[in-house]
């Protein structure tokens, strides 16, 4: 029988190393692919060394310019416009998994995989992202944009893994956290290093009354109640990049029962529009609605109506649809009322 092959997205961290071991133990021929988005030769050498220790083939691909255009420039532009970017959910379908599929096709490799904590289920000839077993580490939210072609070729080594067990199995307990290209920097400092001007400006009520001064709109988040210039008892309810204003108001103004989303990826639209048990997840500091939602199709996207209002959603954030543990699609919040 011909040995099955898999191209594994490989950083050399504990999750990718654990994924490689899982695949090797199940008889796969593993090729480790490090996607170079930084031109950091030390990181590449470390990944190659880890692959050698595992006894697997290692290759790399230069994606620096592509990552810069699709992810970093998008991140910067979002803050310029007063939006809340979601670089990880954008990177997965456009960079990480897309490149894995491209390279696997070019090399004639059967499957693709990463160290993400999630699973895949098939139903009625369609593939669904589903939650990983470890609820504290589940990354299904970040993978709503994966195409059917990607999911049909993907294997999920970490889907049933428990993160604490993985950490105990490795002497090296280090792992990457947060947005990779920030390298631990606050957003505002990163933007300043990129040459982005962040001038002071007015803090205003929704009626336009000036009630304070801010020190750069990128330093503020929807729902925030502490920070330079925010009046006592007020929260950030809007960011007006055009006029360089932070808009504040009472907490009650942050609750929304209707959200508009666009730039969507939906597995089965009929299911989305008719199922009665769909819930949604919106990351950030906002509270996720706990009750089922209803969904209506509109030009270029969908209107999501919630019985239990969403608190502090932000334009630019992903909204992901779930049926129990199954991700049935998602999109980007573009408006609410």
Protein backbone atom coordinates (compact mmCIF):
# COMPACT_ATOMS: atom_id res chain seq x y z
CA UNK A 1 0.00 0.00 0.00
CA UNK A 2 1.32 3.44 -0.94
CA UNK A 3 2.23 5.55 2.10
CA UNK A 4 -0.01 8.57 2.47
CA UNK A 5 1.74 11.96 2.57
CA UNK A 6 0.91 15.16 4.41
CA UNK A 7 2.33 18.68 4.19
CA UNK A 8 2.44 20.11 7.71
CA UNK A 9 2.58 23.83 8.44
CA UNK A 10 5.58 23.88 10.74
CA UNK A 11 6.92 26.65 12.99
CA UNK A 12 8.96 24.37 15.20
CA UNK A 13 6.78 25.20 18.22
CA UNK A 14 5.27 22.56 20.47
CA UNK A 15 1.96 22.34 18.61
CA UNK A 16 3.56 21.75 15.21
CA UNK A 17 6.03 19.27 16.71
CA UNK A 18 3.20 17.41 18.46
CA UNK A 19 1.27 17.37 15.17
CA UNK A 20 4.27 15.89 13.37
CA UNK A 21 4.60 13.14 15.97
CA UNK A 22 0.89 12.33 15.74
CA UNK A 23 1.11 12.02 11.96
CA UNK A 24 4.30 9.94 12.05
CA UNK A 25 2.75 7.53 14.56
CA UNK A 26 -0.14 6.97 12.16
CA UNK A 27 2.08 6.12 9.24
CA UNK A 28 2.09 9.34 7.25
CA UNK A 29 5.10 10.57 5.32
CA UNK A 30 5.39 14.08 6.76
CA UNK A 31 6.91 17.04 4.96
CA UNK A 32 7.31 20.10 7.21
CA UNK A 33 6.71 23.47 5.54
CA UNK A 34 7.77 26.67 7.27
CA UNK A 35 6.06 29.71 5.76
CA UNK A 36 8.56 32.55 6.04
CA UNK A 37 6.70 35.80 6.73
CA UNK A 38 9.51 37.62 8.58
CA UNK A 39 12.83 36.91 6.82
CA UNK A 40 14.16 35.92 10.26
CA UNK A 41 16.91 33.40 9.50
CA UNK A 42 17.12 32.36 13.16
CA UNK A 43 13.47 31.25 13.19
CA UNK A 44 13.98 29.29 9.97
CA UNK A 45 17.08 27.57 11.35
CA UNK A 46 15.23 26.63 14.55
CA UNK A 47 12.33 25.15 12.58
CA UNK A 48 14.70 23.17 10.35
CA UNK A 49 16.53 21.87 13.42
CA UNK A 50 13.29 20.69 15.05
CA UNK A 51 12.23 18.94 11.83
CA UNK A 52 15.61 17.18 11.65
CA UNK A 53 15.20 16.01 15.26
CA UNK A 54 11.82 14.55 14.33
CA UNK A 55 13.30 12.83 11.29
CA UNK A 56 11.07 14.54 8.74
CA UNK A 57 11.80 16.43 5.54
CA UNK A 58 11.78 20.22 5.90
CA UNK A 59 11.19 22.92 3.30
CA UNK A 60 10.42 26.63 3.47
CA UNK A 61 8.67 29.14 1.26
CA UNK A 62 9.15 32.90 1.17
CA UNK A 63 5.77 34.58 1.81
CA UNK A 64 7.13 37.86 3.17
CA UNK A 65 5.69 40.16 0.48
CA UNK A 66 2.39 38.30 0.34
CA UNK A 67 2.00 38.45 4.12
CA UNK A 68 2.91 42.12 4.13
CA UNK A 69 0.25 42.96 1.54
CA UNK A 70 -2.59 40.74 2.73
CA UNK A 71 -2.14 40.95 6.51
CA UNK A 72 0.08 43.76 7.78
CA UNK A 73 -1.13 46.39 5.30
CA UNK A 74 -4.73 45.34 6.00
CA UNK A 75 -4.08 45.63 9.75
CA UNK A 76 -2.63 49.12 9.39
CA UNK A 77 -5.36 50.28 7.00
CA UNK A 78 -8.07 49.03 9.37
CA UNK A 79 -6.76 51.17 12.20
CA UNK A 80 -6.45 54.16 9.89
CA UNK A 81 -10.18 53.75 9.18
CA UNK A 82 -11.15 53.26 12.82
CA UNK A 83 -12.01 49.58 12.31
CA UNK A 84 -11.14 46.55 14.43
CA UNK A 85 -8.99 44.19 12.33
CA UNK A 86 -8.87 40.40 12.70
CA UNK A 87 -5.51 39.46 11.18
CA UNK A 88 -5.48 35.82 12.33
CA UNK A 89 -8.85 34.96 10.78
CA UNK A 90 -7.66 36.61 7.56
CA UNK A 91 -4.25 34.94 7.56
CA UNK A 92 -5.59 31.40 7.82
CA UNK A 93 -7.51 31.25 4.51
CA UNK A 94 -5.37 33.74 2.57
CA UNK A 95 -1.85 32.83 3.68
CA UNK A 96 -1.27 29.78 5.89
CA UNK A 97 -3.76 27.21 4.59
CA UNK A 98 -3.82 28.60 1.05
CA UNK A 99 -0.06 28.27 0.70
CA UNK A 100 -0.15 24.78 2.19
CA UNK A 101 -2.67 23.75 -0.46
CA UNK A 102 -0.66 25.40 -3.27
CA UNK A 103 2.57 23.68 -2.28
CA UNK A 104 0.89 20.32 -1.65
CA UNK A 105 -0.62 20.44 -5.14
CA UNK A 106 2.73 21.34 -6.67
CA UNK A 107 4.57 18.53 -4.86
CA UNK A 108 1.83 15.92 -5.28
CA UNK A 109 1.24 15.59 -1.52
CA UNK A 110 -2.08 14.04 -0.47
CA UNK A 111 -3.05 16.05 2.61
CA UNK A 112 -2.35 19.26 4.50
CA UNK A 113 -2.28 19.91 8.26
CA UNK A 114 -1.36 22.45 10.93
CA UNK A 115 -1.12 22.53 14.72
CA UNK A 116 -4.51 24.22 15.12
CA UNK A 117 -6.84 22.81 17.78
CA UNK A 118 -9.99 21.99 15.79
CA UNK A 119 -11.71 19.13 13.97
CA UNK A 120 -13.40 18.59 10.62
CA UNK A 121 -16.65 16.72 10.01
CA UNK A 122 -18.28 15.78 6.72
CA UNK A 123 -22.05 15.86 6.16
CA UNK A 124 -24.01 15.67 2.90
CA UNK A 125 -20.85 16.08 0.78
CA UNK A 126 -19.89 19.24 2.68
CA UNK A 127 -17.03 19.77 5.12
CA UNK A 128 -17.43 21.66 8.38
CA UNK A 129 -14.92 23.06 10.84
CA UNK A 130 -15.87 21.75 14.30
CA UNK A 131 -14.61 22.58 17.76
CA UNK A 132 -11.53 20.93 19.23
CA UNK A 133 -11.91 18.72 22.29
CA UNK A 134 -9.95 21.13 24.48
CA UNK A 135 -12.46 23.95 24.94
CA UNK A 136 -9.83 26.23 26.50
CA UNK A 137 -7.69 26.01 23.36
CA UNK A 138 -10.33 25.53 20.64
CA UNK A 139 -9.42 27.55 17.53
CA UNK A 140 -12.46 26.86 15.35
CA UNK A 141 -13.44 30.54 15.54
CA UNK A 142 -10.32 31.53 13.60
CA UNK A 143 -10.94 29.03 10.78
CA UNK A 144 -14.42 29.97 9.54
CA UNK A 145 -12.94 31.26 6.27
CA UNK A 146 -11.42 27.95 5.12
CA UNK A 147 -12.70 26.80 1.74
CA UNK A 148 -14.26 23.43 0.98
CA UNK A 149 -11.20 22.55 -1.10
CA UNK A 150 -8.91 23.16 1.86
CA UNK A 151 -11.12 21.28 4.34
CA UNK A 152 -11.44 18.29 2.00
CA UNK A 153 -7.65 17.86 2.05
CA UNK A 154 -6.99 18.75 5.69
CA UNK A 155 -6.09 16.51 8.62
CA UNK A 156 -6.46 17.73 12.21
CA UNK A 157 -3.75 16.18 14.43
CA UNK A 158 -4.57 18.40 17.42
CA UNK A 159 -8.34 18.08 17.24
CA UNK A 160 -8.56 15.66 20.17
CA UNK A 161 -5.47 16.89 22.01
CA UNK A 162 -5.47 18.57 25.41
CA UNK A 163 -3.04 21.47 25.52
CA UNK A 164 -1.85 20.78 29.06
CA UNK A 165 -0.93 17.22 28.03
CA UNK A 166 0.99 18.52 25.02
CA UNK A 167 2.96 20.92 27.22
CA UNK A 168 3.86 18.13 29.63
CA UNK A 169 5.16 16.01 26.75
CA UNK A 170 7.71 18.65 25.70
CA UNK A 171 10.61 20.06 27.69
CA UNK A 172 10.35 23.28 25.70
CA UNK A 173 7.19 24.91 27.06
CA UNK A 174 7.41 28.03 24.89
CA UNK A 175 4.62 28.89 22.47
CA UNK A 176 3.59 31.90 20.44
CA UNK A 177 0.80 34.09 21.81
CA UNK A 178 -1.06 37.06 20.36
CA UNK A 179 -0.61 38.57 16.90
CA UNK A 180 2.64 37.19 15.51
CA UNK A 181 3.95 40.24 13.65
CA UNK A 182 3.55 42.57 16.64
CA UNK A 183 6.33 40.74 18.51
CA UNK A 184 4.71 41.71 21.80
CA UNK A 185 4.39 45.41 20.99
CA UNK A 186 1.20 47.33 21.84
CA UNK A 187 -0.83 48.15 18.72
CA UNK A 188 -0.12 51.87 18.99
CA UNK A 189 3.64 51.36 19.24
CA UNK A 190 3.65 49.00 16.26
CA UNK A 191 1.70 51.51 14.18
CA UNK A 192 4.01 54.32 15.20
CA UNK A 193 7.02 52.20 14.16
CA UNK A 194 5.30 51.74 10.80
CA UNK A 195 5.22 55.51 10.36
CA UNK A 196 1.50 55.87 11.04
CA UNK A 197 0.58 59.28 12.45
CA UNK A 198 -1.65 59.07 15.53
CA UNK A 199 -2.51 62.67 16.43
CA UNK A 200 -4.43 63.68 19.52
CA UNK A 201 -8.06 64.57 18.97
CA UNK A 202 -11.42 65.23 20.56
CA UNK A 203 -13.51 62.82 22.57
CA UNK A 204 -17.15 63.59 21.83
CA UNK A 205 -20.62 62.41 22.74
CA UNK A 206 -22.83 61.01 19.99
CA UNK A 207 -24.40 64.49 19.80
CA UNK A 208 -21.00 65.97 18.96
CA UNK A 209 -20.34 67.63 22.33
CA UNK A 210 -16.61 67.70 23.14
CA UNK A 211 -15.94 66.14 26.54
CA UNK A 212 -12.25 65.29 26.47
CA UNK A 213 -9.10 64.67 24.46
CA UNK A 214 -7.66 61.38 23.24
CA UNK A 215 -4.06 60.46 22.44
CA UNK A 216 -4.59 58.56 19.18
CA UNK A 217 -7.61 56.54 18.00
CA UNK A 218 -5.60 53.29 17.75
CA UNK A 219 -5.27 53.30 21.54
CA UNK A 220 -9.03 52.87 22.02
CA UNK A 221 -11.39 49.91 21.71
CA UNK A 222 -15.17 49.73 21.48
CA UNK A 223 -16.51 49.16 25.00
CA UNK A 224 -13.45 50.61 26.72
CA UNK A 225 -14.17 52.61 29.90
CA UNK A 226 -10.68 53.50 31.08
CA UNK A 227 -8.10 55.49 29.19
CA UNK A 228 -6.82 58.96 28.49
CA UNK A 229 -9.71 61.44 28.34
CA UNK A 230 -12.66 59.07 28.79
CA UNK A 231 -15.15 60.73 31.15
CA UNK A 232 -16.22 58.90 34.30
CA UNK A 233 -19.19 56.59 33.68
CA UNK A 234 -18.74 56.64 29.90
CA UNK A 235 -17.52 54.00 27.46
CA UNK A 236 -16.18 54.14 23.93
CA UNK A 237 -19.15 53.52 21.63
CA UNK A 238 -17.61 54.55 18.30
CA UNK A 239 -14.43 55.56 16.49
CA UNK A 240 -14.68 58.26 13.80
CA UNK A 241 -11.40 58.13 11.91
CA UNK A 242 -12.52 60.74 9.37
CA UNK A 243 -12.78 63.44 12.03
CA UNK A 244 -10.25 61.83 14.41
CA UNK A 245 -12.91 61.51 17.11
CA UNK A 246 -13.50 58.96 19.85
CA UNK A 247 -17.23 58.79 20.56
CA UNK A 248 -18.38 57.99 24.09
CA UNK A 249 -21.72 57.24 25.69
CA UNK A 250 -23.53 55.19 28.29
CA UNK A 251 -23.04 51.43 28.51
CA UNK A 252 -26.62 50.83 27.29
CA UNK A 253 -25.64 52.18 23.86
CA UNK A 254 -23.28 49.24 23.33
CA UNK A 255 -26.05 46.63 23.15
CA UNK A 256 -27.18 45.65 19.64
CA UNK A 257 -29.89 43.22 18.51
CA UNK A 258 -29.15 43.46 14.80
CA UNK A 259 -25.79 43.02 13.11
CA UNK A 260 -24.93 43.30 9.42
CA UNK A 261 -22.14 41.12 8.07
CA UNK A 262 -20.39 40.88 4.70
CA UNK A 263 -17.34 39.16 3.16
CA UNK A 264 -18.87 35.86 4.22
CA UNK A 265 -17.97 32.20 3.89
CA UNK A 266 -21.02 29.98 4.42
CA UNK A 267 -21.03 26.19 4.14
CA UNK A 268 -24.75 25.81 3.36
CA UNK A 269 -26.88 28.95 2.99
CA UNK A 270 -30.18 27.07 3.30
CA UNK A 271 -29.06 25.70 6.66
CA UNK A 272 -27.98 29.16 7.79
CA UNK A 273 -31.32 30.76 6.89
CA UNK A 274 -33.62 28.03 8.23
CA UNK A 275 -31.99 26.39 11.26
CA UNK A 276 -33.45 27.43 14.62
CA UNK A 277 -30.49 26.57 16.82
CA UNK A 278 -27.75 28.84 15.41
CA UNK A 279 -25.62 30.76 17.88
CA UNK A 280 -22.91 33.32 17.16
CA UNK A 281 -19.50 34.12 18.52
CA UNK A 282 -17.86 37.55 18.32
CA UNK A 283 -14.42 37.84 19.83
CA UNK A 284 -12.90 40.89 21.45
CA UNK A 285 -14.11 42.27 24.75
CA UNK A 286 -17.75 41.98 23.65
CA UNK A 287 -20.13 39.52 25.30
CA UNK A 288 -21.38 36.82 22.96
CA UNK A 289 -25.18 36.43 22.69
CA UNK A 290 -26.26 33.24 24.46
CA UNK A 291 -29.58 32.60 22.71
CA UNK A 292 -30.15 31.38 19.13
CA UNK A 293 -30.22 33.97 16.36
CA UNK A 294 -32.14 34.37 13.11
CA UNK A 295 -30.43 35.21 9.83
CA UNK A 296 -31.74 36.99 6.74
CA UNK A 297 -29.97 37.29 3.40
CA UNK A 298 -29.36 40.78 2.11
CA UNK A 299 -27.46 42.27 -0.78
CA UNK A 300 -23.81 41.37 -0.27
CA UNK A 301 -24.25 39.68 3.09
CA UNK A 302 -26.62 38.86 5.93
CA UNK A 303 -28.56 40.50 8.75
CA UNK A 304 -28.23 38.69 12.07
CA UNK A 305 -31.02 39.29 14.58
CA UNK A 306 -30.39 38.37 18.20
CA UNK A 307 -32.85 37.85 21.04
CA UNK A 308 -30.00 38.28 23.50
CA UNK A 309 -28.21 41.48 22.43
CA UNK A 310 -24.53 41.52 21.56
CA UNK A 311 -22.49 43.84 23.76
CA UNK A 312 -19.80 46.04 22.19
CA UNK A 313 -19.41 44.47 18.74
CA UNK A 314 -16.94 46.39 16.59
CA UNK A 315 -16.95 46.99 12.85
CA UNK A 316 -14.27 44.79 11.34
CA UNK A 317 -14.67 41.94 13.81
CA UNK A 318 -15.59 38.45 12.60
CA UNK A 319 -18.94 36.98 13.52
CA UNK A 320 -18.98 33.18 13.39
CA UNK A 321 -22.09 30.97 13.20
CA UNK A 322 -22.25 27.74 15.20
CA UNK A 323 -24.69 24.85 15.47
CA UNK A 324 -23.51 23.22 18.66
CA UNK A 325 -19.85 22.39 17.90
CA UNK A 326 -20.15 22.88 14.13
CA UNK A 327 -19.04 26.08 12.38
CA UNK A 328 -21.52 26.73 9.59
CA UNK A 329 -19.97 29.97 8.38
CA UNK A 330 -18.95 33.47 9.27
CA UNK A 331 -18.46 37.01 8.05
CA UNK A 332 -17.21 40.45 9.03
CA UNK A 333 -19.35 42.92 10.99
CA UNK A 334 -19.92 45.98 8.80
CA UNK A 335 -22.78 47.70 10.63
CA UNK A 336 -25.27 47.31 13.47
CA UNK A 337 -28.42 48.98 14.72
